[in-house]
Amino acid sequence: MRKISFISLGWHLLAIAVFYILTLIFFYPLTQQKVLKQHDKVQTKGMNHEILEFRKAHHKDPLWTSTLFSGMPTFQITTSYPNNVVVYIERIVKLKLPSQTGLIFSMMLGFYLLMILLGVNRWLSIIGAISFALSTYFIVSFDVGHTGKLRVIGYMAPTILGVLMAYRGKYLVGAGITAISVALAVHANHFQIVYFLLFILLIIIL
């Protein structure tokens, strides 16, 4: 891993600025009161209704809803966790960008940092990060509202980064990055992708 210097720090700050500005430009229509319909988001509003009404009437969350499939736990739909510090960590990671646009930014940032750790050229790391986050599949997923899945994917690269750093002797930093990244991935609440992430980590460990 490259030693941190003023030049490399400046380069990383430049990369972050590029990702931030590109995100704002790409999603400019969303800043002009325009809204994507996002099919899954529309369905989620219907699933949330019973839960929100219960929360409004009883000032607490129900733990089960019968409005989806044959019934399911509400933590997979919407549950309020007012004391969850991961919420605030995620806001910092996304530099306070709106949650939907911020997830694309976090995908760029995480992939860039992983490429830098692997010794990839700085310019190629920036280009690769942009190509990764704005790839067709992810944009289509964003358009239909699969934002939970994209949030977890965005934290895959930082998780791998933390594990690799630990294997390279940076135990505390590696463990810290891994712990925060996994916490963010679990908080995104799409456990199918978290499951796939575990397979990737298992391969790396082996």
N, C-alpha and C. Protein backbone atom coordinates (compact mmCIF):
# COMPACT_ATOMS: atom_id res chain seq x y z
N MET A 1 0.84 -1.20 0.00
CA MET A 1 0.00 0.00 0.00
C MET A 1 0.87 1.24 0.00
N ARG A 2 0.57 2.24 -0.83
CA ARG A 2 1.37 3.43 -0.93
C ARG A 2 1.36 4.21 0.38
N LYS A 3 2.52 4.80 0.76
CA LYS A 3 2.58 5.65 1.93
C LYS A 3 1.82 6.94 1.66
N ILE A 4 1.13 7.44 2.70
CA ILE A 4 0.35 8.66 2.54
C ILE A 4 1.28 9.86 2.56
N SER A 5 1.19 10.72 1.59
CA SER A 5 1.95 11.97 1.52
C SER A 5 0.99 13.07 1.15
N PHE A 6 1.48 14.31 1.19
CA PHE A 6 0.62 15.43 0.83
C PHE A 6 0.16 15.31 -0.61
N ILE A 7 1.03 14.79 -1.48
CA ILE A 7 0.68 14.65 -2.89
C ILE A 7 -0.41 13.59 -3.06
N SER A 8 -0.21 12.43 -2.43
CA SER A 8 -1.21 11.37 -2.56
C SER A 8 -2.52 11.76 -1.89
N LEU A 9 -2.44 12.48 -0.75
CA LEU A 9 -3.65 12.94 -0.08
C LEU A 9 -4.41 13.91 -0.97
N GLY A 10 -3.67 14.81 -1.62
CA GLY A 10 -4.30 15.75 -2.54
C GLY A 10 -4.95 15.04 -3.71
N TRP A 11 -4.29 13.99 -4.18
CA TRP A 11 -4.85 13.20 -5.29
C TRP A 11 -6.15 12.54 -4.87
N HIS A 12 -6.18 11.97 -3.68
CA HIS A 12 -7.38 11.30 -3.19
C HIS A 12 -8.52 12.31 -3.02
N LEU A 13 -8.20 13.48 -2.52
CA LEU A 13 -9.22 14.53 -2.36
C LEU A 13 -9.76 14.96 -3.72
N LEU A 14 -8.88 15.01 -4.71
CA LEU A 14 -9.30 15.34 -6.08
C LEU A 14 -10.24 14.27 -6.61
N ALA A 15 -9.90 13.00 -6.37
CA ALA A 15 -10.75 11.90 -6.83
C ALA A 15 -12.13 11.99 -6.18
N ILE A 16 -12.16 12.27 -4.87
CA ILE A 16 -13.44 12.40 -4.17
C ILE A 16 -14.26 13.54 -4.76
N ALA A 17 -13.59 14.66 -5.06
CA ALA A 17 -14.29 15.81 -5.65
C ALA A 17 -14.86 15.45 -7.01
N VAL A 18 -14.10 14.69 -7.81
CA VAL A 18 -14.58 14.26 -9.13
C VAL A 18 -15.82 13.39 -8.98
N PHE A 19 -15.79 12.44 -8.06
CA PHE A 19 -16.94 11.56 -7.84
C PHE A 19 -18.15 12.36 -7.38
N TYR A 20 -17.91 13.31 -6.50
CA TYR A 20 -19.00 14.11 -5.94
C TYR A 20 -19.66 14.97 -7.01
N ILE A 21 -18.83 15.66 -7.79
CA ILE A 21 -19.35 16.54 -8.84
C ILE A 21 -20.05 15.73 -9.92
N LEU A 22 -19.45 14.60 -10.31
CA LEU A 22 -20.05 13.75 -11.33
C LEU A 22 -21.41 13.24 -10.88
N THR A 23 -21.52 12.87 -9.59
CA THR A 23 -22.79 12.41 -9.06
C THR A 23 -23.85 13.50 -9.14
N LEU A 24 -23.47 14.73 -8.78
CA LEU A 24 -24.41 15.85 -8.84
C LEU A 24 -24.86 16.12 -10.28
N ILE A 25 -23.92 16.03 -11.23
CA ILE A 25 -24.26 16.27 -12.63
C ILE A 25 -25.15 15.16 -13.17
N PHE A 26 -24.78 13.92 -12.88
CA PHE A 26 -25.53 12.77 -13.41
C PHE A 26 -26.97 12.77 -12.90
N PHE A 27 -27.14 13.15 -11.63
CA PHE A 27 -28.47 13.12 -11.03
C PHE A 27 -29.07 14.52 -10.90
N TYR A 28 -28.62 15.43 -11.74
CA TYR A 28 -29.11 16.81 -11.68
C TYR A 28 -30.64 16.91 -11.73
N PRO A 29 -31.33 16.15 -12.59
CA PRO A 29 -32.80 16.25 -12.63
C PRO A 29 -33.46 15.99 -11.28
N LEU A 30 -32.83 15.12 -10.45
CA LEU A 30 -33.43 14.82 -9.15
C LEU A 30 -33.33 16.01 -8.19
N THR A 31 -32.44 16.96 -8.49
CA THR A 31 -32.33 18.16 -7.66
C THR A 31 -33.32 19.24 -8.10
N GLN A 32 -34.02 18.98 -9.20
CA GLN A 32 -34.98 19.95 -9.73
C GLN A 32 -36.42 19.48 -9.52
N GLN A 33 -36.64 18.86 -8.37
CA GLN A 33 -37.98 18.39 -7.99
C GLN A 33 -38.53 17.32 -8.92
N LYS A 34 -37.67 16.69 -9.70
CA LYS A 34 -38.10 15.58 -10.54
C LYS A 34 -37.88 14.28 -9.76
N VAL A 35 -38.77 13.31 -9.98
CA VAL A 35 -38.74 12.08 -9.21
C VAL A 35 -38.84 10.88 -10.14
N LEU A 36 -37.99 9.89 -9.91
CA LEU A 36 -38.10 8.62 -10.63
C LEU A 36 -39.27 7.83 -10.05
N LYS A 37 -40.03 7.17 -10.90
CA LYS A 37 -41.17 6.39 -10.40
C LYS A 37 -40.70 5.18 -9.60
N GLN A 38 -39.66 4.51 -10.04
CA GLN A 38 -39.06 3.38 -9.34
C GLN A 38 -40.11 2.38 -8.82
N HIS A 39 -40.38 1.41 -9.64
CA HIS A 39 -41.43 0.43 -9.38
C HIS A 39 -41.37 -0.16 -7.97
N ASP A 40 -40.18 -0.55 -7.54
CA ASP A 40 -40.06 -1.16 -6.21
C ASP A 40 -40.39 -0.18 -5.10
N LYS A 41 -40.08 1.10 -5.30
CA LYS A 41 -40.39 2.12 -4.30
C LYS A 41 -41.91 2.30 -4.18
N VAL A 42 -42.60 2.23 -5.31
CA VAL A 42 -44.07 2.35 -5.29
C VAL A 42 -44.67 1.18 -4.51
N GLN A 43 -44.17 -0.02 -4.76
CA GLN A 43 -44.65 -1.19 -4.03
C GLN A 43 -44.34 -1.08 -2.53
N THR A 44 -43.17 -0.53 -2.22
CA THR A 44 -42.77 -0.39 -0.82
C THR A 44 -43.73 0.51 -0.06
N LYS A 45 -44.23 1.56 -0.72
CA LYS A 45 -45.19 2.44 -0.05
C LYS A 45 -46.44 1.68 0.38
N GLY A 46 -46.87 0.76 -0.49
CA GLY A 46 -48.03 -0.06 -0.14
C GLY A 46 -47.72 -0.99 1.02
N MET A 47 -46.53 -1.58 1.02
CA MET A 47 -46.14 -2.49 2.10
C MET A 47 -45.97 -1.74 3.41
N ASN A 48 -45.52 -0.48 3.33
CA ASN A 48 -45.26 0.31 4.53
C ASN A 48 -46.53 0.80 5.22
N HIS A 49 -47.63 0.88 4.48
CA HIS A 49 -48.81 1.58 4.97
C HIS A 49 -49.29 1.06 6.33
N GLU A 50 -49.47 -0.25 6.44
CA GLU A 50 -49.96 -0.82 7.69
C GLU A 50 -48.99 -0.53 8.84
N ILE A 51 -47.70 -0.63 8.56
CA ILE A 51 -46.68 -0.40 9.59
C ILE A 51 -46.71 1.05 10.05
N LEU A 52 -46.77 1.98 9.10
CA LEU A 52 -46.77 3.40 9.43
C LEU A 52 -48.02 3.79 10.22
N GLU A 53 -49.15 3.20 9.84
CA GLU A 53 -50.39 3.50 10.57
C GLU A 53 -50.31 2.97 12.00
N PHE A 54 -49.75 1.78 12.18
CA PHE A 54 -49.58 1.21 13.52
C PHE A 54 -48.64 2.08 14.35
N ARG A 55 -47.52 2.51 13.72
CA ARG A 55 -46.54 3.36 14.41
C ARG A 55 -47.17 4.68 14.84
N LYS A 56 -47.99 5.24 13.96
CA LYS A 56 -48.66 6.51 14.26
C LYS A 56 -49.64 6.36 15.42
N ALA A 57 -50.35 5.23 15.47
CA ALA A 57 -51.38 5.04 16.50
C ALA A 57 -50.80 4.61 17.84
N HIS A 58 -49.72 3.80 17.81
CA HIS A 58 -49.21 3.21 19.05
C HIS A 58 -47.82 3.71 19.45
N HIS A 59 -47.22 4.54 18.60
CA HIS A 59 -45.89 5.12 18.89
C HIS A 59 -44.81 4.06 19.09
N LYS A 60 -44.95 2.95 18.39
CA LYS A 60 -43.93 1.92 18.37
C LYS A 60 -44.11 1.10 17.10
N ASP A 61 -43.10 0.32 16.77
CA ASP A 61 -43.15 -0.45 15.53
C ASP A 61 -43.75 -1.83 15.77
N PRO A 62 -44.60 -2.30 14.85
CA PRO A 62 -45.02 -3.70 14.90
C PRO A 62 -43.85 -4.56 14.42
N LEU A 63 -43.80 -5.78 14.82
CA LEU A 63 -42.70 -6.65 14.42
C LEU A 63 -43.10 -7.63 13.32
N TRP A 64 -44.38 -7.55 12.92
CA TRP A 64 -44.88 -8.47 11.89
C TRP A 64 -45.96 -7.76 11.08
N THR A 65 -45.99 -8.04 9.79
CA THR A 65 -47.06 -7.51 8.95
C THR A 65 -47.66 -8.64 8.12
N SER A 66 -48.95 -8.58 7.90
CA SER A 66 -49.62 -9.61 7.11
C SER A 66 -49.93 -9.13 5.69
N THR A 67 -49.43 -7.94 5.32
CA THR A 67 -49.76 -7.36 4.03
C THR A 67 -48.86 -7.84 2.90
N LEU A 68 -47.82 -8.59 3.22
CA LEU A 68 -46.87 -9.04 2.19
C LEU A 68 -46.70 -10.55 2.27
N PHE A 69 -46.86 -11.21 1.11
CA PHE A 69 -46.77 -12.67 1.04
C PHE A 69 -47.73 -13.28 2.07
N SER A 70 -47.28 -14.25 2.85
CA SER A 70 -48.12 -14.85 3.89
C SER A 70 -47.82 -14.23 5.25
N GLY A 71 -47.19 -13.05 5.22
CA GLY A 71 -46.75 -12.38 6.43
C GLY A 71 -45.24 -12.43 6.53
N MET A 72 -44.64 -11.39 7.10
CA MET A 72 -43.19 -11.37 7.24
C MET A 72 -42.79 -10.35 8.30
N PRO A 73 -41.57 -10.46 8.84
CA PRO A 73 -41.11 -9.50 9.86
C PRO A 73 -40.94 -8.11 9.25
N THR A 74 -41.26 -7.09 10.01
CA THR A 74 -41.23 -5.72 9.47
C THR A 74 -39.82 -5.15 9.35
N PHE A 75 -38.83 -5.78 10.00
CA PHE A 75 -37.48 -5.24 9.88
C PHE A 75 -36.95 -5.36 8.44
N GLN A 76 -37.60 -6.19 7.63
CA GLN A 76 -37.23 -6.31 6.23
C GLN A 76 -37.95 -5.27 5.36
N ILE A 77 -38.81 -4.48 5.96
CA ILE A 77 -39.58 -3.48 5.20
C ILE A 77 -39.26 -2.08 5.69
N THR A 78 -39.70 -1.78 6.89
CA THR A 78 -39.37 -0.49 7.50
C THR A 78 -39.51 -0.60 9.01
N THR A 79 -38.42 -0.35 9.70
CA THR A 79 -38.42 -0.33 11.16
C THR A 79 -37.55 0.83 11.60
N SER A 80 -38.01 1.55 12.59
CA SER A 80 -37.28 2.72 13.07
C SER A 80 -36.26 2.31 14.13
N TYR A 81 -35.01 2.74 13.91
CA TYR A 81 -33.94 2.49 14.88
C TYR A 81 -33.30 3.84 15.24
N PRO A 82 -33.93 4.61 16.12
CA PRO A 82 -33.47 5.98 16.40
C PRO A 82 -32.07 6.06 17.01
N ASN A 83 -31.60 5.00 17.64
CA ASN A 83 -30.29 5.04 18.30
C ASN A 83 -29.21 4.31 17.52
N ASN A 84 -29.47 4.02 16.26
CA ASN A 84 -28.50 3.30 15.43
C ASN A 84 -27.47 4.29 14.87
N VAL A 85 -26.23 4.21 15.37
CA VAL A 85 -25.19 5.15 14.96
C VAL A 85 -24.75 4.92 13.52
N VAL A 86 -25.05 3.73 12.96
CA VAL A 86 -24.66 3.44 11.58
C VAL A 86 -25.33 4.41 10.62
N VAL A 87 -26.52 4.89 10.97
CA VAL A 87 -27.23 5.87 10.14
C VAL A 87 -26.37 7.11 9.94
N TYR A 88 -25.73 7.56 11.00
CA TYR A 88 -24.92 8.78 10.93
C TYR A 88 -23.60 8.53 10.20
N ILE A 89 -23.06 7.32 10.37
CA ILE A 89 -21.84 6.97 9.64
C ILE A 89 -22.11 6.98 8.14
N GLU A 90 -23.26 6.44 7.74
CA GLU A 90 -23.60 6.39 6.32
C GLU A 90 -23.75 7.79 5.75
N ARG A 91 -24.31 8.71 6.51
CA ARG A 91 -24.44 10.09 6.04
C ARG A 91 -23.08 10.72 5.79
N ILE A 92 -22.12 10.40 6.66
CA ILE A 92 -20.77 10.93 6.49
C ILE A 92 -20.12 10.34 5.25
N VAL A 93 -20.27 9.01 5.07
CA VAL A 93 -19.69 8.33 3.91
C VAL A 93 -20.23 8.92 2.60
N LYS A 94 -21.50 9.28 2.59
CA LYS A 94 -22.14 9.83 1.38
C LYS A 94 -22.02 11.34 1.29
N LEU A 95 -21.25 11.94 2.22
CA LEU A 95 -21.05 13.40 2.24
C LEU A 95 -22.37 14.15 2.20
N LYS A 96 -23.37 13.59 2.91
CA LYS A 96 -24.70 14.20 3.05
C LYS A 96 -25.45 14.34 1.74
N LEU A 97 -25.02 13.60 0.72
CA LEU A 97 -25.81 13.55 -0.51
C LEU A 97 -27.12 12.83 -0.22
N PRO A 98 -28.19 13.15 -0.96
CA PRO A 98 -29.45 12.41 -0.78
C PRO A 98 -29.19 10.92 -0.89
N SER A 99 -29.91 10.12 -0.10
CA SER A 99 -29.59 8.69 0.03
C SER A 99 -29.50 7.96 -1.30
N GLN A 100 -30.41 8.28 -2.24
CA GLN A 100 -30.42 7.54 -3.50
C GLN A 100 -29.22 7.90 -4.36
N THR A 101 -28.91 9.19 -4.46
CA THR A 101 -27.75 9.59 -5.27
C THR A 101 -26.45 9.30 -4.52
N GLY A 102 -26.50 9.38 -3.20
CA GLY A 102 -25.32 9.13 -2.40
C GLY A 102 -24.80 7.72 -2.52
N LEU A 103 -25.69 6.77 -2.81
CA LEU A 103 -25.24 5.38 -2.91
C LEU A 103 -24.35 5.19 -4.14
N ILE A 104 -24.61 5.93 -5.22
CA ILE A 104 -23.75 5.85 -6.39
C ILE A 104 -22.38 6.45 -6.07
N PHE A 105 -22.37 7.55 -5.34
CA PHE A 105 -21.11 8.16 -4.90
C PHE A 105 -20.31 7.19 -4.04
N SER A 106 -20.97 6.51 -3.10
CA SER A 106 -20.27 5.58 -2.22
C SER A 106 -19.72 4.39 -3.00
N MET A 107 -20.40 4.00 -4.08
CA MET A 107 -19.90 2.91 -4.92
C MET A 107 -18.60 3.33 -5.61
N MET A 108 -18.58 4.57 -6.09
CA MET A 108 -17.35 5.09 -6.73
C MET A 108 -16.21 5.14 -5.73
N LEU A 109 -16.48 5.71 -4.57
CA LEU A 109 -15.44 5.91 -3.56
C LEU A 109 -14.87 4.58 -3.08
N GLY A 110 -15.74 3.63 -2.76
CA GLY A 110 -15.27 2.34 -2.26
C GLY A 110 -14.43 1.59 -3.28
N PHE A 111 -14.88 1.59 -4.54
CA PHE A 111 -14.15 0.88 -5.60
C PHE A 111 -12.80 1.55 -5.84
N TYR A 112 -12.77 2.88 -5.81
CA TYR A 112 -11.52 3.63 -6.01
C TYR A 112 -10.49 3.26 -4.94
N LEU A 113 -10.90 3.25 -3.67
CA LEU A 113 -9.98 2.94 -2.59
C LEU A 113 -9.44 1.52 -2.70
N LEU A 114 -10.28 0.58 -3.13
CA LEU A 114 -9.83 -0.80 -3.30
C LEU A 114 -8.80 -0.89 -4.41
N MET A 115 -9.03 -0.18 -5.51
CA MET A 115 -8.08 -0.20 -6.62
C MET A 115 -6.73 0.40 -6.22
N ILE A 116 -6.78 1.47 -5.42
CA ILE A 116 -5.55 2.09 -4.95
C ILE A 116 -4.76 1.11 -4.08
N LEU A 117 -5.46 0.41 -3.19
CA LEU A 117 -4.79 -0.57 -2.34
C LEU A 117 -4.13 -1.66 -3.16
N LEU A 118 -4.78 -2.06 -4.26
CA LEU A 118 -4.25 -3.13 -5.11
C LEU A 118 -3.15 -2.65 -6.04
N GLY A 119 -2.81 -1.37 -5.94
CA GLY A 119 -1.69 -0.84 -6.71
C GLY A 119 -2.02 -0.43 -8.13
N VAL A 120 -3.30 -0.24 -8.43
CA VAL A 120 -3.71 0.18 -9.76
C VAL A 120 -3.37 1.66 -9.96
N ASN A 121 -3.00 2.01 -11.17
CA ASN A 121 -2.70 3.40 -11.52
C ASN A 121 -3.82 4.33 -11.06
N ARG A 122 -3.47 5.52 -10.58
CA ARG A 122 -4.47 6.44 -10.00
C ARG A 122 -5.54 6.83 -11.00
N TRP A 123 -5.12 7.16 -12.22
CA TRP A 123 -6.11 7.54 -13.24
C TRP A 123 -7.03 6.37 -13.57
N LEU A 124 -6.42 5.19 -13.69
CA LEU A 124 -7.22 4.00 -13.98
C LEU A 124 -8.16 3.68 -12.82
N SER A 125 -7.73 3.97 -11.60
CA SER A 125 -8.58 3.75 -10.43
C SER A 125 -9.81 4.64 -10.48
N ILE A 126 -9.61 5.89 -10.87
CA ILE A 126 -10.74 6.83 -10.98
C ILE A 126 -11.68 6.39 -12.10
N ILE A 127 -11.10 6.08 -13.26
CA ILE A 127 -11.92 5.64 -14.40
C ILE A 127 -12.65 4.34 -14.07
N GLY A 128 -11.94 3.42 -13.43
CA GLY A 128 -12.56 2.15 -13.06
C GLY A 128 -13.70 2.34 -12.07
N ALA A 129 -13.52 3.24 -11.10
CA ALA A 129 -14.55 3.49 -10.10
C ALA A 129 -15.81 4.08 -10.75
N ILE A 130 -15.61 5.01 -11.67
CA ILE A 130 -16.74 5.62 -12.37
C ILE A 130 -17.44 4.59 -13.24
N SER A 131 -16.66 3.78 -13.95
CA SER A 131 -17.23 2.75 -14.82
C SER A 131 -18.01 1.72 -14.01
N PHE A 132 -17.48 1.37 -12.86
CA PHE A 132 -18.15 0.41 -11.98
C PHE A 132 -19.51 0.95 -11.51
N ALA A 133 -19.50 2.15 -10.94
CA ALA A 133 -20.73 2.71 -10.35
C ALA A 133 -21.79 3.04 -11.38
N LEU A 134 -21.36 3.46 -12.57
CA LEU A 134 -22.31 3.87 -13.60
C LEU A 134 -22.52 2.78 -14.66
N SER A 135 -22.19 1.54 -14.32
CA SER A 135 -22.41 0.46 -15.27
C SER A 135 -23.91 0.27 -15.51
N THR A 136 -24.24 -0.25 -16.66
CA THR A 136 -25.65 -0.33 -17.09
C THR A 136 -26.53 -1.05 -16.08
N TYR A 137 -26.06 -2.17 -15.56
CA TYR A 137 -26.89 -2.96 -14.65
C TYR A 137 -27.25 -2.16 -13.39
N PHE A 138 -26.28 -1.43 -12.87
CA PHE A 138 -26.54 -0.67 -11.64
C PHE A 138 -27.50 0.48 -11.89
N ILE A 139 -27.38 1.14 -13.04
CA ILE A 139 -28.27 2.26 -13.36
C ILE A 139 -29.69 1.75 -13.59
N VAL A 140 -29.81 0.60 -14.26
CA VAL A 140 -31.14 0.00 -14.44
C VAL A 140 -31.73 -0.39 -13.08
N SER A 141 -30.91 -0.95 -12.21
CA SER A 141 -31.37 -1.31 -10.87
C SER A 141 -31.81 -0.07 -10.10
N PHE A 142 -31.08 1.00 -10.26
CA PHE A 142 -31.44 2.27 -9.62
C PHE A 142 -32.78 2.76 -10.15
N ASP A 143 -32.97 2.63 -11.45
CA ASP A 143 -34.20 3.13 -12.09
C ASP A 143 -35.44 2.39 -11.58
N VAL A 144 -35.31 1.10 -11.29
CA VAL A 144 -36.48 0.33 -10.84
C VAL A 144 -36.61 0.32 -9.32
N GLY A 145 -35.64 0.96 -8.62
CA GLY A 145 -35.77 1.10 -7.18
C GLY A 145 -35.08 0.06 -6.33
N HIS A 146 -34.13 -0.67 -6.90
CA HIS A 146 -33.40 -1.68 -6.13
C HIS A 146 -32.26 -1.03 -5.35
N THR A 147 -32.59 0.00 -4.59
CA THR A 147 -31.55 0.78 -3.93
C THR A 147 -30.91 0.03 -2.76
N GLY A 148 -31.67 -0.83 -2.09
CA GLY A 148 -31.09 -1.60 -1.00
C GLY A 148 -29.97 -2.50 -1.49
N LYS A 149 -30.20 -3.13 -2.63
CA LYS A 149 -29.18 -3.99 -3.24
C LYS A 149 -27.94 -3.19 -3.60
N LEU A 150 -28.14 -2.01 -4.18
CA LEU A 150 -27.02 -1.18 -4.60
C LEU A 150 -26.23 -0.66 -3.40
N ARG A 151 -26.92 -0.39 -2.31
CA ARG A 151 -26.22 0.07 -1.11
C ARG A 151 -25.25 -0.99 -0.62
N VAL A 152 -25.69 -2.24 -0.58
CA VAL A 152 -24.81 -3.32 -0.14
C VAL A 152 -23.64 -3.49 -1.11
N ILE A 153 -23.92 -3.45 -2.41
CA ILE A 153 -22.86 -3.58 -3.42
C ILE A 153 -21.83 -2.47 -3.24
N GLY A 154 -22.30 -1.29 -2.87
CA GLY A 154 -21.39 -0.17 -2.65
C GLY A 154 -20.42 -0.40 -1.50
N TYR A 155 -20.81 -1.25 -0.54
CA TYR A 155 -19.95 -1.51 0.61
C TYR A 155 -19.16 -2.80 0.47
N MET A 156 -19.29 -3.46 -0.68
CA MET A 156 -18.51 -4.68 -0.92
C MET A 156 -17.02 -4.35 -1.04
N ALA A 157 -16.69 -3.38 -1.87
CA ALA A 157 -15.28 -3.04 -2.10
C ALA A 157 -14.59 -2.59 -0.80
N PRO A 158 -15.20 -1.71 0.01
CA PRO A 158 -14.55 -1.33 1.27
C PRO A 158 -14.37 -2.51 2.23
N THR A 159 -15.32 -3.46 2.22
CA THR A 159 -15.18 -4.64 3.06
C THR A 159 -13.98 -5.47 2.63
N ILE A 160 -13.87 -5.70 1.32
CA ILE A 160 -12.72 -6.44 0.79
C ILE A 160 -11.43 -5.69 1.09
N LEU A 161 -11.48 -4.36 0.96
CA LEU A 161 -10.32 -3.51 1.28
C LEU A 161 -9.86 -3.75 2.71
N GLY A 162 -10.81 -3.74 3.67
CA GLY A 162 -10.45 -3.95 5.06
C GLY A 162 -9.84 -5.30 5.32
N VAL A 163 -10.40 -6.34 4.71
CA VAL A 163 -9.88 -7.70 4.88
C VAL A 163 -8.46 -7.81 4.33
N LEU A 164 -8.24 -7.26 3.15
CA LEU A 164 -6.90 -7.31 2.54
C LEU A 164 -5.88 -6.54 3.36
N MET A 165 -6.30 -5.40 3.93
CA MET A 165 -5.38 -4.63 4.77
C MET A 165 -4.99 -5.43 6.01
N ALA A 166 -5.95 -6.14 6.58
CA ALA A 166 -5.65 -6.97 7.76
C ALA A 166 -4.66 -8.06 7.40
N TYR A 167 -4.83 -8.68 6.22
CA TYR A 167 -3.91 -9.72 5.78
C TYR A 167 -2.52 -9.17 5.47
N ARG A 168 -2.44 -7.86 5.22
CA ARG A 168 -1.15 -7.23 4.94
C ARG A 168 -0.51 -6.63 6.19
N GLY A 169 -1.06 -6.96 7.34
CA GLY A 169 -0.44 -6.53 8.59
C GLY A 169 -1.03 -5.29 9.22
N LYS A 170 -1.95 -4.61 8.54
CA LYS A 170 -2.61 -3.43 9.10
C LYS A 170 -3.84 -3.89 9.87
N TYR A 171 -3.60 -4.55 10.99
CA TYR A 171 -4.67 -5.25 11.69
C TYR A 171 -5.76 -4.32 12.22
N LEU A 172 -5.39 -3.28 12.93
CA LEU A 172 -6.38 -2.39 13.53
C LEU A 172 -7.16 -1.62 12.47
N VAL A 173 -6.45 -1.05 11.51
CA VAL A 173 -7.11 -0.29 10.44
C VAL A 173 -7.98 -1.22 9.61
N GLY A 174 -7.44 -2.38 9.27
CA GLY A 174 -8.19 -3.34 8.47
C GLY A 174 -9.44 -3.82 9.18
N ALA A 175 -9.29 -4.12 10.48
CA ALA A 175 -10.45 -4.58 11.25
C ALA A 175 -11.49 -3.47 11.37
N GLY A 176 -11.03 -2.24 11.55
CA GLY A 176 -11.95 -1.11 11.67
C GLY A 176 -12.74 -0.87 10.40
N ILE A 177 -12.03 -0.87 9.26
CA ILE A 177 -12.70 -0.66 7.97
C ILE A 177 -13.68 -1.80 7.68
N THR A 178 -13.25 -3.03 7.98
CA THR A 178 -14.12 -4.19 7.75
C THR A 178 -15.38 -4.10 8.62
N ALA A 179 -15.20 -3.77 9.89
CA ALA A 179 -16.34 -3.70 10.81
C ALA A 179 -17.34 -2.63 10.38
N ILE A 180 -16.83 -1.45 10.02
CA ILE A 180 -17.73 -0.36 9.60
C ILE A 180 -18.43 -0.72 8.30
N SER A 181 -17.68 -1.29 7.35
CA SER A 181 -18.26 -1.63 6.04
C SER A 181 -19.33 -2.71 6.17
N VAL A 182 -19.06 -3.73 6.99
CA VAL A 182 -20.05 -4.79 7.20
C VAL A 182 -21.28 -4.24 7.90
N ALA A 183 -21.07 -3.35 8.88
CA ALA A 183 -22.20 -2.74 9.58
C ALA A 183 -23.07 -1.95 8.60
N LEU A 184 -22.45 -1.21 7.70
CA LEU A 184 -23.19 -0.45 6.69
C LEU A 184 -23.93 -1.38 5.74
N ALA A 185 -23.28 -2.49 5.36
CA ALA A 185 -23.91 -3.45 4.45
C ALA A 185 -25.13 -4.10 5.09
N VAL A 186 -25.00 -4.50 6.35
CA VAL A 186 -26.14 -5.12 7.05
C VAL A 186 -27.26 -4.10 7.25
N HIS A 187 -26.87 -2.86 7.55
CA HIS A 187 -27.86 -1.80 7.75
C HIS A 187 -28.65 -1.52 6.48
N ALA A 188 -28.03 -1.77 5.31
CA ALA A 188 -28.73 -1.56 4.04
C ALA A 188 -29.92 -2.51 3.88
N ASN A 189 -29.91 -3.61 4.65
CA ASN A 189 -31.09 -4.48 4.78
C ASN A 189 -31.44 -5.25 3.51
N HIS A 190 -30.39 -5.67 2.78
CA HIS A 190 -30.62 -6.55 1.63
C HIS A 190 -29.70 -7.75 1.82
N PHE A 191 -30.19 -8.74 2.59
CA PHE A 191 -29.32 -9.81 3.06
C PHE A 191 -28.91 -10.79 1.98
N GLN A 192 -29.62 -10.79 0.87
CA GLN A 192 -29.22 -11.66 -0.25
C GLN A 192 -27.83 -11.25 -0.75
N ILE A 193 -27.61 -9.94 -0.89
CA ILE A 193 -26.32 -9.47 -1.39
C ILE A 193 -25.24 -9.60 -0.31
N VAL A 194 -25.62 -9.42 0.95
CA VAL A 194 -24.67 -9.65 2.04
C VAL A 194 -24.20 -11.11 2.02
N TYR A 195 -25.12 -12.00 1.72
CA TYR A 195 -24.81 -13.44 1.61
C TYR A 195 -23.78 -13.68 0.50
N PHE A 196 -23.97 -13.01 -0.64
CA PHE A 196 -23.01 -13.14 -1.73
C PHE A 196 -21.65 -12.56 -1.34
N LEU A 197 -21.67 -11.46 -0.58
CA LEU A 197 -20.42 -10.85 -0.11
C LEU A 197 -19.64 -11.83 0.76
N LEU A 198 -20.33 -12.58 1.59
CA LEU A 198 -19.66 -13.56 2.45
C LEU A 198 -18.96 -14.63 1.61
N PHE A 199 -19.55 -15.01 0.49
CA PHE A 199 -18.91 -15.98 -0.40
C PHE A 199 -17.61 -15.41 -0.97
N ILE A 200 -17.65 -14.13 -1.38
CA ILE A 200 -16.45 -13.48 -1.91
C ILE A 200 -15.34 -13.46 -0.85
N LEU A 201 -15.71 -13.09 0.38
CA LEU A 201 -14.74 -13.04 1.47
C LEU A 201 -14.18 -14.43 1.77
N LEU A 202 -15.03 -15.44 1.70
CA LEU A 202 -14.57 -16.81 1.94
C LEU A 202 -13.53 -17.23 0.92
N ILE A 203 -13.75 -16.87 -0.34
CA ILE A 203 -12.79 -17.19 -1.40
C ILE A 203 -11.45 -16.49 -1.13
N ILE A 204 -11.52 -15.21 -0.74
CA ILE A 204 -10.30 -14.45 -0.44
C ILE A 204 -9.56 -15.08 0.72
N ILE A 205 -10.28 -15.46 1.77
CA ILE A 205 -9.66 -16.07 2.95
C ILE A 205 -8.98 -17.38 2.60
N LEU A 206 -9.64 -18.20 1.80
CA LEU A 206 -9.06 -19.49 1.39
C LEU A 206 -7.82 -19.29 0.54
